[in-house]
Amino acid sequence: MPRVLIAGCGYLGQAVAGLLVADGWEVEGWTQSAESAAKISGKSYSVRAVDISQEKQVLAQTGDFDAVIHCASTRGNVDLYRRVYFDGARNLLYRFSTSRILFTSSTSVYGQNDGDWVFEESLAKPKHETGKILRKAEVFVRAGGANVVRLGGIYGPGRSALLKNVLHGDAIIDPSHDRFLNQIHRDDAATAIQLLLKQPRPAGEIYNVVDNQPILLSECYRWLATKLDRRVPVAGRSIARSASKRKRGDSDKRVSNAKLRAIGWTPRYPNFAEGMEKSVLLTFDHEGA
């Protein structure tokens, strides 16, 4: 039975763990704190509290794995990004140097703002410090033989920032700052990772993990507003408010998933509308947004 470590057993990591257990893997999950580990105790796999940003904690762990997935994430400041993504990846690579390693990055490393298509070989030169940290971590782990997955914006049951914006009145359509969104349903991201662990691919590869159809932010908000019978204002006096809430507004690109589809991956939710209609909105009344 092959063994896999999921370092960062959170929203996406737990979905990956469930697939791999069903696929015959022995899974161990790591979370940053004992509290978060306790919340997911009782799963069909073991969970430990290990802070991957702390070298001594990582090096002190016993046992080896056929594969290691860096699946940790954070929404913190630049220093926290550096600890979780770069320090965490470095520590895992040092401790499990003989394991097959998969590093989860983000499509935010693409800094293009012309709305054109980007591919894995396209220039990845992010403008923001958090993106620069991710890019630095990518370079480091690929030099050590790891593969990289660049995830689009993750949404799924119980989670959608765009849905929250509409529900909370924070969604504003600003024609002067419209841009393409590149998203991925959590369950499709999990199947992509599952597939990549099975593939005898060369080390140091990069894969974009996004759905088949980038969507303009304005189209996304209009679709959600129609489904929820809500009104989304068009920017006027609200432009400043809208600008203050944009996190990726400096980039505008359409990310291709052709490389991943070429090795046999097919998303269950090929576009945002299908993912929301068939998954997220069905759970909305029970789980919220």
C-alpha atoms as a PDB file:
ATOM      1  CA  MET A   1       0.000   0.000   0.000  1.00  0.00           C
ATOM      2  CA  PRO A   2       1.597   3.306  -1.047  1.00  0.00           C
ATOM      3  CA  ARG A   3       1.856   5.991   1.637  1.00  0.00           C
ATOM      4  CA  VAL A   4       1.158   9.678   1.125  1.00  0.00           C
ATOM      5  CA  LEU A   5       1.545  12.684   3.383  1.00  0.00           C
ATOM      6  CA  ILE A   6      -0.834  15.607   2.931  1.00  0.00           C
ATOM      7  CA  ALA A   7       0.849  18.556   4.599  1.00  0.00           C
ATOM      8  CA  GLY A   8      -2.041  20.963   5.004  1.00  0.00           C
ATOM      9  CA  CYS A   9      -5.125  18.798   5.480  1.00  0.00           C
ATOM     10  CA  GLY A  10      -7.685  21.575   5.157  1.00  0.00           C
ATOM     11  CA  TYR A  11     -10.493  22.312   2.713  1.00  0.00           C
ATOM     12  CA  LEU A  12      -8.705  20.894  -0.338  1.00  0.00           C
ATOM     13  CA  GLY A  13      -6.408  18.502   1.511  1.00  0.00           C
ATOM     14  CA  GLN A  14      -9.296  16.602   3.070  1.00  0.00           C
ATOM     15  CA  ALA A  15     -10.932  16.159  -0.337  1.00  0.00           C
ATOM     16  CA  VAL A  16      -7.658  14.788  -1.706  1.00  0.00           C
ATOM     17  CA  ALA A  17      -7.263  12.501   1.299  1.00  0.00           C
ATOM     18  CA  GLY A  18     -10.704  10.993   0.778  1.00  0.00           C
ATOM     19  CA  LEU A  19      -9.961  10.195  -2.867  1.00  0.00           C
ATOM     20  CA  LEU A  20      -6.588   8.643  -2.094  1.00  0.00           C
ATOM     21  CA  VAL A  21      -7.915   6.471   0.729  1.00  0.00           C
ATOM     22  CA  ALA A  22     -10.582   5.147  -1.648  1.00  0.00           C
ATOM     23  CA  ASP A  23      -7.814   4.572  -4.195  1.00  0.00           C
ATOM     24  CA  GLY A  24      -5.842   2.336  -1.836  1.00  0.00           C
ATOM     25  CA  TRP A  25      -3.346   4.803  -0.379  1.00  0.00           C
ATOM     26  CA  GLU A  26      -2.372   4.953   3.265  1.00  0.00           C
ATOM     27  CA  VAL A  27      -2.835   8.627   4.096  1.00  0.00           C
ATOM     28  CA  GLU A  28      -1.412  10.788   6.852  1.00  0.00           C
ATOM     29  CA  GLY A  29      -2.586  14.368   7.207  1.00  0.00           C
ATOM     30  CA  TRP A  30      -0.796  17.236   8.917  1.00  0.00           C
ATOM     31  CA  THR A  31      -2.438  20.363  10.247  1.00  0.00           C
ATOM     32  CA  GLN A  32      -0.806  23.382  11.831  1.00  0.00           C
ATOM     33  CA  SER A  33      -2.338  23.059  15.288  1.00  0.00           C
ATOM     34  CA  ALA A  34      -3.664  20.432  17.668  1.00  0.00           C
ATOM     35  CA  GLU A  35      -7.049  22.189  17.581  1.00  0.00           C
ATOM     36  CA  SER A  36      -7.386  21.832  13.819  1.00  0.00           C
ATOM     37  CA  ALA A  37      -6.206  18.209  14.014  1.00  0.00           C
ATOM     38  CA  ALA A  38      -8.844  17.450  16.630  1.00  0.00           C
ATOM     39  CA  LYS A  39     -11.576  18.861  14.391  1.00  0.00           C
ATOM     40  CA  ILE A  40     -10.913  16.251  11.715  1.00  0.00           C
ATOM     41  CA  SER A  41     -10.100  13.333  14.000  1.00  0.00           C
ATOM     42  CA  GLY A  42     -12.064  10.176  13.321  1.00  0.00           C
ATOM     43  CA  LYS A  43     -11.323  10.178   9.603  1.00  0.00           C
ATOM     44  CA  SER A  44     -10.219   7.058   7.763  1.00  0.00           C
ATOM     45  CA  TYR A  45      -6.633   8.324   7.967  1.00  0.00           C
ATOM     46  CA  SER A  46      -4.331   9.555  10.710  1.00  0.00           C
ATOM     47  CA  VAL A  47      -3.879  13.250  11.457  1.00  0.00           C
ATOM     48  CA  ARG A  48      -1.012  14.962  13.276  1.00  0.00           C
ATOM     49  CA  ALA A  49      -0.418  18.524  14.379  1.00  0.00           C
ATOM     50  CA  VAL A  50       2.791  19.596  12.646  1.00  0.00           C
ATOM     51  CA  ASP A  51       3.705  23.183  11.749  1.00  0.00           C
ATOM     52  CA  ILE A  52       5.578  22.741   8.476  1.00  0.00           C
ATOM     53  CA  SER A  53       7.148  26.187   8.783  1.00  0.00           C
ATOM     54  CA  GLN A  54       9.104  24.930  11.815  1.00  0.00           C
ATOM     55  CA  GLU A  55      12.118  22.965  10.623  1.00  0.00           C
ATOM     56  CA  LYS A  56      12.660  21.121  13.920  1.00  0.00           C
ATOM     57  CA  GLN A  57       9.070  19.894  13.971  1.00  0.00           C
ATOM     58  CA  VAL A  58       9.263  18.563  10.427  1.00  0.00           C
ATOM     59  CA  LEU A  59      12.639  16.887  10.864  1.00  0.00           C
ATOM     60  CA  ALA A  60      11.472  15.243  14.086  1.00  0.00           C
ATOM     61  CA  GLN A  61       8.636  13.363  12.380  1.00  0.00           C
ATOM     62  CA  THR A  62       9.111   9.645  11.899  1.00  0.00           C
ATOM     63  CA  GLY A  63       8.086   7.536   8.954  1.00  0.00           C
ATOM     64  CA  ASP A  64       8.592   7.917   5.223  1.00  0.00           C
ATOM     65  CA  PHE A  65       6.195   8.371   2.353  1.00  0.00           C
ATOM     66  CA  ASP A  66       6.037   7.478  -1.307  1.00  0.00           C
ATOM     67  CA  ALA A  67       4.517  10.878  -2.000  1.00  0.00           C
ATOM     68  CA  VAL A  68       4.249  14.194  -0.164  1.00  0.00           C
ATOM     69  CA  ILE A  69       1.727  16.899  -1.060  1.00  0.00           C
ATOM     70  CA  HIS A  70       2.341  20.439   0.153  1.00  0.00           C
ATOM     71  CA  CYS A  71      -1.295  21.490   0.393  1.00  0.00           C
ATOM     72  CA  ALA A  72      -1.025  24.114   3.125  1.00  0.00           C
ATOM     73  CA  SER A  73      -2.500  27.547   2.544  1.00  0.00           C
ATOM     74  CA  THR A  74      -2.790  30.893   4.262  1.00  0.00           C
ATOM     75  CA  ARG A  75      -4.420  34.256   3.763  1.00  0.00           C
ATOM     76  CA  GLY A  76      -2.061  36.051   6.077  1.00  0.00           C
ATOM     77  CA  ASN A  77       0.560  38.714   5.538  1.00  0.00           C
ATOM     78  CA  VAL A  78       3.772  38.433   3.562  1.00  0.00           C
ATOM     79  CA  ASP A  79       5.742  36.969   6.467  1.00  0.00           C
ATOM     80  CA  LEU A  80       3.144  34.269   7.028  1.00  0.00           C
ATOM     81  CA  TYR A  81       3.124  33.494   3.308  1.00  0.00           C
ATOM     82  CA  ARG A  82       6.876  33.074   3.409  1.00  0.00           C
ATOM     83  CA  ARG A  83       6.723  30.725   6.389  1.00  0.00           C
ATOM     84  CA  VAL A  84       3.924  28.546   5.040  1.00  0.00           C
ATOM     85  CA  TYR A  85       4.876  28.365   1.372  1.00  0.00           C
ATOM     86  CA  PHE A  86       8.618  28.802   1.116  1.00  0.00           C
ATOM     87  CA  ASP A  87       9.861  27.641   4.520  1.00  0.00           C
ATOM     88  CA  GLY A  88       7.260  24.891   4.614  1.00  0.00           C
ATOM     89  CA  ALA A  89       8.167  23.606   1.155  1.00  0.00           C
ATOM     90  CA  ARG A  90      11.877  23.753   1.942  1.00  0.00           C
ATOM     91  CA  ASN A  91      11.434  21.802   5.168  1.00  0.00           C
ATOM     92  CA  LEU A  92       9.368  19.094   3.488  1.00  0.00           C
ATOM     93  CA  LEU A  93      11.860  18.785   0.646  1.00  0.00           C
ATOM     94  CA  TYR A  94      14.751  18.392   3.072  1.00  0.00           C
ATOM     95  CA  ARG A  95      12.961  15.841   5.253  1.00  0.00           C
ATOM     96  CA  PHE A  96      11.460  13.779   2.420  1.00  0.00           C
ATOM     97  CA  SER A  97      14.108  14.156  -0.261  1.00  0.00           C
ATOM     98  CA  THR A  98      13.458  10.687  -1.679  1.00  0.00           C
ATOM     99  CA  SER A  99       9.682  11.073  -1.869  1.00  0.00           C
ATOM    100  CA  ARG A 100       7.692  12.243  -4.852  1.00  0.00           C
ATOM    101  CA  ILE A 101       6.653  15.792  -3.961  1.00  0.00           C
ATOM    102  CA  LEU A 102       3.762  17.854  -5.286  1.00  0.00           C
ATOM    103  CA  PHE A 103       3.633  21.555  -4.433  1.00  0.00           C
ATOM    104  CA  THR A 104       0.337  23.423  -4.680  1.00  0.00           C
ATOM    105  CA  SER A 105       0.887  26.945  -5.944  1.00  0.00           C
ATOM    106  CA  SER A 106      -1.483  29.452  -7.549  1.00  0.00           C
ATOM    107  CA  THR A 107      -2.277  30.978 -10.916  1.00  0.00           C
ATOM    108  CA  SER A 108      -1.606  34.316  -9.198  1.00  0.00           C
ATOM    109  CA  VAL A 109       2.049  33.848 -10.220  1.00  0.00           C
ATOM    110  CA  TYR A 110       0.967  34.920 -13.713  1.00  0.00           C
ATOM    111  CA  GLY A 111       1.050  38.700 -13.726  1.00  0.00           C
ATOM    112  CA  GLN A 112      -0.371  39.200 -17.233  1.00  0.00           C
ATOM    113  CA  ASN A 113      -3.049  41.884 -17.496  1.00  0.00           C
ATOM    114  CA  ASP A 114      -4.049  41.882 -21.169  1.00  0.00           C
ATOM    115  CA  GLY A 115      -6.764  39.210 -20.980  1.00  0.00           C
ATOM    116  CA  ASP A 116      -4.787  36.844 -23.183  1.00  0.00           C
ATOM    117  CA  TRP A 117      -4.333  33.092 -22.690  1.00  0.00           C
ATOM    118  CA  VAL A 118      -1.438  31.893 -20.536  1.00  0.00           C
ATOM    119  CA  PHE A 119       0.098  28.436 -20.402  1.00  0.00           C
ATOM    120  CA  GLU A 120       2.565  26.670 -18.131  1.00  0.00           C
ATOM    121  CA  GLU A 121       5.477  27.955 -20.214  1.00  0.00           C
ATOM    122  CA  SER A 122       4.183  31.540 -20.178  1.00  0.00           C
ATOM    123  CA  LEU A 123       6.087  34.170 -18.241  1.00  0.00           C
ATOM    124  CA  ALA A 124       5.317  33.948 -14.527  1.00  0.00           C
ATOM    125  CA  LYS A 125       6.305  37.284 -13.059  1.00  0.00           C
ATOM    126  CA  PRO A 126       3.879  38.243 -10.285  1.00  0.00           C
ATOM    127  CA  LYS A 127       3.596  41.845  -9.173  1.00  0.00           C
ATOM    128  CA  HIS A 128       2.604  41.319  -5.554  1.00  0.00           C
ATOM    129  CA  GLU A 129       4.938  40.134  -2.791  1.00  0.00           C
ATOM    130  CA  THR A 130       2.807  37.086  -1.966  1.00  0.00           C
ATOM    131  CA  GLY A 131       2.949  35.965  -5.590  1.00  0.00           C
ATOM    132  CA  LYS A 132       6.706  36.511  -5.639  1.00  0.00           C
ATOM    133  CA  ILE A 133       7.058  34.225  -2.616  1.00  0.00           C
ATOM    134  CA  LEU A 134       5.052  31.522  -4.361  1.00  0.00           C
ATOM    135  CA  ARG A 135       7.201  31.855  -7.462  1.00  0.00           C
ATOM    136  CA  LYS A 136      10.380  31.609  -5.406  1.00  0.00           C
ATOM    137  CA  ALA A 137       9.037  28.477  -3.724  1.00  0.00           C
ATOM    138  CA  GLU A 138       8.171  26.984  -7.118  1.00  0.00           C
ATOM    139  CA  VAL A 139      11.708  27.488  -8.391  1.00  0.00           C
ATOM    140  CA  PHE A 140      13.154  25.956  -5.236  1.00  0.00           C
ATOM    141  CA  VAL A 141      11.006  22.807  -5.182  1.00  0.00           C
ATOM    142  CA  ARG A 142      11.331  22.179  -8.916  1.00  0.00           C
ATOM    143  CA  ALA A 143      15.110  22.262  -8.550  1.00  0.00           C
ATOM    144  CA  GLY A 144      14.658  19.498  -5.994  1.00  0.00           C
ATOM    145  CA  GLY A 145      12.539  17.401  -8.366  1.00  0.00           C
ATOM    146  CA  ALA A 146       9.049  18.377  -7.206  1.00  0.00           C
ATOM    147  CA  ASN A 147       6.121  18.988  -9.523  1.00  0.00           C
ATOM    148  CA  VAL A 148       3.972  22.109  -9.204  1.00  0.00           C
ATOM    149  CA  VAL A 149       0.227  22.606  -9.588  1.00  0.00           C
ATOM    150  CA  ARG A 150      -0.983  26.162 -10.102  1.00  0.00           C
ATOM    151  CA  LEU A 151      -4.499  26.297  -8.724  1.00  0.00           C
ATOM    152  CA  GLY A 152      -7.119  28.767  -9.800  1.00  0.00           C
ATOM    153  CA  GLY A 153      -9.487  30.303  -7.274  1.00  0.00           C
ATOM    154  CA  ILE A 154     -10.950  27.413  -5.289  1.00  0.00           C
ATOM    155  CA  TYR A 155     -14.655  27.265  -4.550  1.00  0.00           C
ATOM    156  CA  GLY A 156     -17.011  24.469  -3.578  1.00  0.00           C
ATOM    157  CA  PRO A 157     -19.551  23.370  -0.964  1.00  0.00           C
ATOM    158  CA  GLY A 158     -19.611  25.922   1.812  1.00  0.00           C
ATOM    159  CA  ARG A 159     -17.042  28.176   0.150  1.00  0.00           C
ATOM    160  CA  SER A 160     -17.278  30.867  -2.504  1.00  0.00           C
ATOM    161  CA  ALA A 161     -15.875  34.351  -2.061  1.00  0.00           C
ATOM    162  CA  LEU A 162     -17.854  35.568  -5.069  1.00  0.00           C
ATOM    163  CA  LEU A 163     -21.108  34.233  -3.652  1.00  0.00           C
ATOM    164  CA  LYS A 164     -20.335  35.963  -0.357  1.00  0.00           C
ATOM    165  CA  ASN A 165     -19.763  39.235  -2.175  1.00  0.00           C
ATOM    166  CA  VAL A 166     -23.198  39.062  -3.782  1.00  0.00           C
ATOM    167  CA  LEU A 167     -24.942  38.045  -0.573  1.00  0.00           C
ATOM    168  CA  HIS A 168     -23.215  40.692   1.541  1.00  0.00           C
ATOM    169  CA  GLY A 169     -23.689  43.501  -0.943  1.00  0.00           C
ATOM    170  CA  ASP A 170     -19.996  43.781  -1.745  1.00  0.00           C
ATOM    171  CA  ALA A 171     -20.320  42.757  -5.406  1.00  0.00           C
ATOM    172  CA  ILE A 172     -19.941  45.702  -7.771  1.00  0.00           C
ATOM    173  CA  ILE A 173     -19.711  45.561 -11.547  1.00  0.00           C
ATOM    174  CA  ASP A 174     -17.067  48.032 -12.630  1.00  0.00           C
ATOM    175  CA  PRO A 175     -16.741  48.110 -16.449  1.00  0.00           C
ATOM    176  CA  SER A 176     -13.447  49.973 -16.196  1.00  0.00           C
ATOM    177  CA  HIS A 177     -11.893  47.179 -14.110  1.00  0.00           C
ATOM    178  CA  ASP A 178     -13.523  44.037 -15.490  1.00  0.00           C
ATOM    179  CA  ARG A 179     -11.241  41.028 -15.724  1.00  0.00           C
ATOM    180  CA  PHE A 180     -11.199  37.293 -16.311  1.00  0.00           C
ATOM    181  CA  LEU A 181     -11.461  34.909 -13.378  1.00  0.00           C
ATOM    182  CA  ASN A 182      -9.823  31.484 -13.447  1.00  0.00           C
ATOM    183  CA  GLN A 183     -11.501  29.149 -11.018  1.00  0.00           C
ATOM    184  CA  ILE A 184     -11.602  25.504 -10.019  1.00  0.00           C
ATOM    185  CA  HIS A 185     -14.111  23.510  -7.999  1.00  0.00           C
ATOM    186  CA  ARG A 186     -12.493  21.902  -4.973  1.00  0.00           C
ATOM    187  CA  ASP A 187     -13.484  18.384  -6.059  1.00  0.00           C
ATOM    188  CA  ASP A 188     -11.980  18.875  -9.517  1.00  0.00           C
ATOM    189  CA  ALA A 189      -8.764  20.171  -7.982  1.00  0.00           C
ATOM    190  CA  ALA A 190      -8.664  17.030  -5.847  1.00  0.00           C
ATOM    191  CA  THR A 191      -9.081  14.696  -8.847  1.00  0.00           C
ATOM    192  CA  ALA A 192      -6.308  16.568 -10.662  1.00  0.00           C
ATOM    193  CA  ILE A 193      -3.920  15.968  -7.768  1.00  0.00           C
ATOM    194  CA  GLN A 194      -5.008  12.336  -7.581  1.00  0.00           C
ATOM    195  CA  LEU A 195      -4.268  11.883 -11.277  1.00  0.00           C
ATOM    196  CA  LEU A 196      -0.880  13.571 -11.075  1.00  0.00           C
ATOM    197  CA  LEU A 197       0.222  11.218  -8.306  1.00  0.00           C
ATOM    198  CA  LYS A 198      -0.502   8.309 -10.634  1.00  0.00           C
ATOM    199  CA  GLN A 199       1.323   9.750 -13.616  1.00  0.00           C
ATOM    200  CA  PRO A 200       4.925   8.664 -14.261  1.00  0.00           C
ATOM    201  CA  ARG A 201       5.698  12.227 -15.335  1.00  0.00           C
ATOM    202  CA  PRO A 202       9.140  13.846 -15.394  1.00  0.00           C
ATOM    203  CA  ALA A 203      10.208  15.766 -12.311  1.00  0.00           C
ATOM    204  CA  GLY A 204       9.885  19.531 -12.250  1.00  0.00           C
ATOM    205  CA  GLU A 205       6.677  19.731 -14.297  1.00  0.00           C
ATOM    206  CA  ILE A 206       4.077  22.483 -13.876  1.00  0.00           C
ATOM    207  CA  TYR A 207       0.326  22.023 -14.369  1.00  0.00           C
ATOM    208  CA  ASN A 208      -2.403  24.629 -14.391  1.00  0.00           C
ATOM    209  CA  VAL A 209      -5.453  23.404 -12.484  1.00  0.00           C
ATOM    210  CA  VAL A 210      -8.416  25.500 -13.612  1.00  0.00           C
ATOM    211  CA  ASP A 211     -11.760  24.751 -15.227  1.00  0.00           C
ATOM    212  CA  ASN A 212     -12.359  24.890 -18.971  1.00  0.00           C
ATOM    213  CA  GLN A 213     -13.898  28.320 -19.181  1.00  0.00           C
ATOM    214  CA  PRO A 214     -12.529  31.546 -17.690  1.00  0.00           C
ATOM    215  CA  ILE A 215     -15.332  33.963 -16.901  1.00  0.00           C
ATOM    216  CA  LEU A 216     -15.452  37.730 -16.661  1.00  0.00           C
ATOM    217  CA  LEU A 217     -16.074  39.032 -13.161  1.00  0.00           C
ATOM    218  CA  SER A 218     -19.082  40.988 -14.436  1.00  0.00           C
ATOM    219  CA  GLU A 219     -20.602  37.851 -15.996  1.00  0.00           C
ATOM    220  CA  CYS A 220     -20.020  35.927 -12.800  1.00  0.00           C
ATOM    221  CA  TYR A 221     -21.768  38.521 -10.652  1.00  0.00           C
ATOM    222  CA  ARG A 222     -24.672  38.844 -13.072  1.00  0.00           C
ATOM    223  CA  TRP A 223     -25.177  35.072 -13.131  1.00  0.00           C
ATOM    224  CA  LEU A 224     -25.142  34.839  -9.330  1.00  0.00           C
ATOM    225  CA  ALA A 225     -27.442  37.843  -8.957  1.00  0.00           C
ATOM    226  CA  THR A 226     -29.971  36.284 -11.317  1.00  0.00           C
ATOM    227  CA  LYS A 227     -29.919  32.959  -9.483  1.00  0.00           C
ATOM    228  CA  LEU A 228     -30.246  34.614  -6.079  1.00  0.00           C
ATOM    229  CA  ASP A 229     -32.649  37.330  -7.179  1.00  0.00           C
ATOM    230  CA  ARG A 230     -30.257  39.999  -5.992  1.00  0.00           C
ATOM    231  CA  ARG A 231     -29.255  43.332  -7.465  1.00  0.00           C
ATOM    232  CA  VAL A 232     -25.593  43.952  -8.280  1.00  0.00           C
ATOM    233  CA  PRO A 233     -24.856  47.671  -8.655  1.00  0.00           C
ATOM    234  CA  VAL A 234     -22.842  49.044 -11.535  1.00  0.00           C
ATOM    235  CA  ALA A 235     -19.885  51.106 -10.394  1.00  0.00           C
ATOM    236  CA  GLY A 236     -20.333  54.841 -10.098  1.00  0.00           C
ATOM    237  CA  ARG A 237     -19.672  56.425  -6.791  1.00  0.00           C
ATOM    238  CA  SER A 238     -18.801  52.921  -5.587  1.00  0.00           C
ATOM    239  CA  ILE A 239     -15.643  52.617  -7.698  1.00  0.00           C
ATOM    240  CA  ALA A 240     -13.354  53.446  -4.790  1.00  0.00           C
ATOM    241  CA  ARG A 241     -15.044  50.847  -2.612  1.00  0.00           C
ATOM    242  CA  SER A 242     -14.763  48.274  -5.370  1.00  0.00           C
ATOM    243  CA  ALA A 243     -11.079  49.015  -5.929  1.00  0.00           C
ATOM    244  CA  SER A 244     -10.316  48.650  -2.246  1.00  0.00           C
ATOM    245  CA  LYS A 245     -11.724  45.124  -2.265  1.00  0.00           C
ATOM    246  CA  ARG A 246      -9.898  43.847  -5.351  1.00  0.00           C
ATOM    247  CA  LYS A 247      -7.141  41.405  -4.460  1.00  0.00           C
ATOM    248  CA  ARG A 248      -6.173  40.209  -7.932  1.00  0.00           C
ATOM    249  CA  GLY A 249      -7.380  43.202  -9.870  1.00  0.00           C
ATOM    250  CA  ASP A 250      -3.934  43.965 -11.258  1.00  0.00           C
ATOM    251  CA  SER A 251      -3.993  40.773 -13.332  1.00  0.00           C
ATOM    252  CA  ASP A 252      -6.266  39.840 -16.200  1.00  0.00           C
ATOM    253  CA  LYS A 253      -5.569  36.598 -18.002  1.00  0.00           C
ATOM    254  CA  ARG A 254      -7.193  33.388 -19.184  1.00  0.00           C
ATOM    255  CA  VAL A 255      -5.374  30.338 -17.857  1.00  0.00           C
ATOM    256  CA  SER A 256      -5.285  27.214 -20.027  1.00  0.00           C
ATOM    257  CA  ASN A 257      -5.718  23.707 -18.596  1.00  0.00           C
ATOM    258  CA  ALA A 258      -4.853  21.989 -21.899  1.00  0.00           C
ATOM    259  CA  LYS A 259      -1.725  20.308 -20.523  1.00  0.00           C
ATOM    260  CA  LEU A 260      -3.652  18.664 -17.699  1.00  0.00           C
ATOM    261  CA  ARG A 261      -6.506  17.576 -19.964  1.00  0.00           C
ATOM    262  CA  ALA A 262      -3.954  16.065 -22.359  1.00  0.00           C
ATOM    263  CA  ILE A 263      -2.998  13.466 -19.721  1.00  0.00           C
ATOM    264  CA  GLY A 264      -6.594  12.406 -19.130  1.00  0.00           C
ATOM    265  CA  TRP A 265      -8.083  14.856 -16.620  1.00  0.00           C
ATOM    266  CA  THR A 266     -11.693  15.890 -17.206  1.00  0.00           C
ATOM    267  CA  PRO A 267     -13.340  18.296 -14.764  1.00  0.00           C
ATOM    268  CA  ARG A 268     -16.711  17.310 -13.391  1.00  0.00           C
ATOM    269  CA  TYR A 269     -17.605  21.006 -13.314  1.00  0.00           C
ATOM    270  CA  PRO A 270     -16.179  22.457 -16.552  1.00  0.00           C
ATOM    271  CA  ASN A 271     -17.294  25.997 -15.788  1.00  0.00           C
ATOM    272  CA  PHE A 272     -18.333  28.182 -12.876  1.00  0.00           C
ATOM    273  CA  ALA A 273     -22.051  28.082 -13.646  1.00  0.00           C
ATOM    274  CA  GLU A 274     -22.172  24.269 -13.568  1.00  0.00           C
ATOM    275  CA  GLY A 275     -20.128  24.114 -10.383  1.00  0.00           C
ATOM    276  CA  MET A 276     -22.392  26.583  -8.619  1.00  0.00           C
ATOM    277  CA  GLU A 277     -25.631  25.117  -9.965  1.00  0.00           C
ATOM    278  CA  LYS A 278     -24.832  21.456  -9.340  1.00  0.00           C
ATOM    279  CA  SER A 279     -22.781  21.738  -6.150  1.00  0.00           C
ATOM    280  CA  VAL A 280     -22.502  24.969  -4.201  1.00  0.00           C
ATOM    281  CA  LEU A 281     -26.018  26.374  -4.417  1.00  0.00           C
ATOM    282  CA  LEU A 282     -27.469  22.975  -3.565  1.00  0.00           C
ATOM    283  CA  THR A 283     -25.698  23.124  -0.194  1.00  0.00           C
ATOM    284  CA  PHE A 284     -26.254  26.817   0.408  1.00  0.00           C
ATOM    285  CA  ASP A 285     -29.308  26.523   2.672  1.00  0.00           C
ATOM    286  CA  HIS A 286     -27.481  24.093   4.927  1.00  0.00           C
ATOM    287  CA  GLU A 287     -23.907  25.392   4.915  1.00  0.00           C
ATOM    288  CA  GLY A 288     -24.162  29.038   3.929  1.00  0.00           C
ATOM    289  CA  ALA A 289     -21.583  30.672   1.697  1.00  0.00           C
END
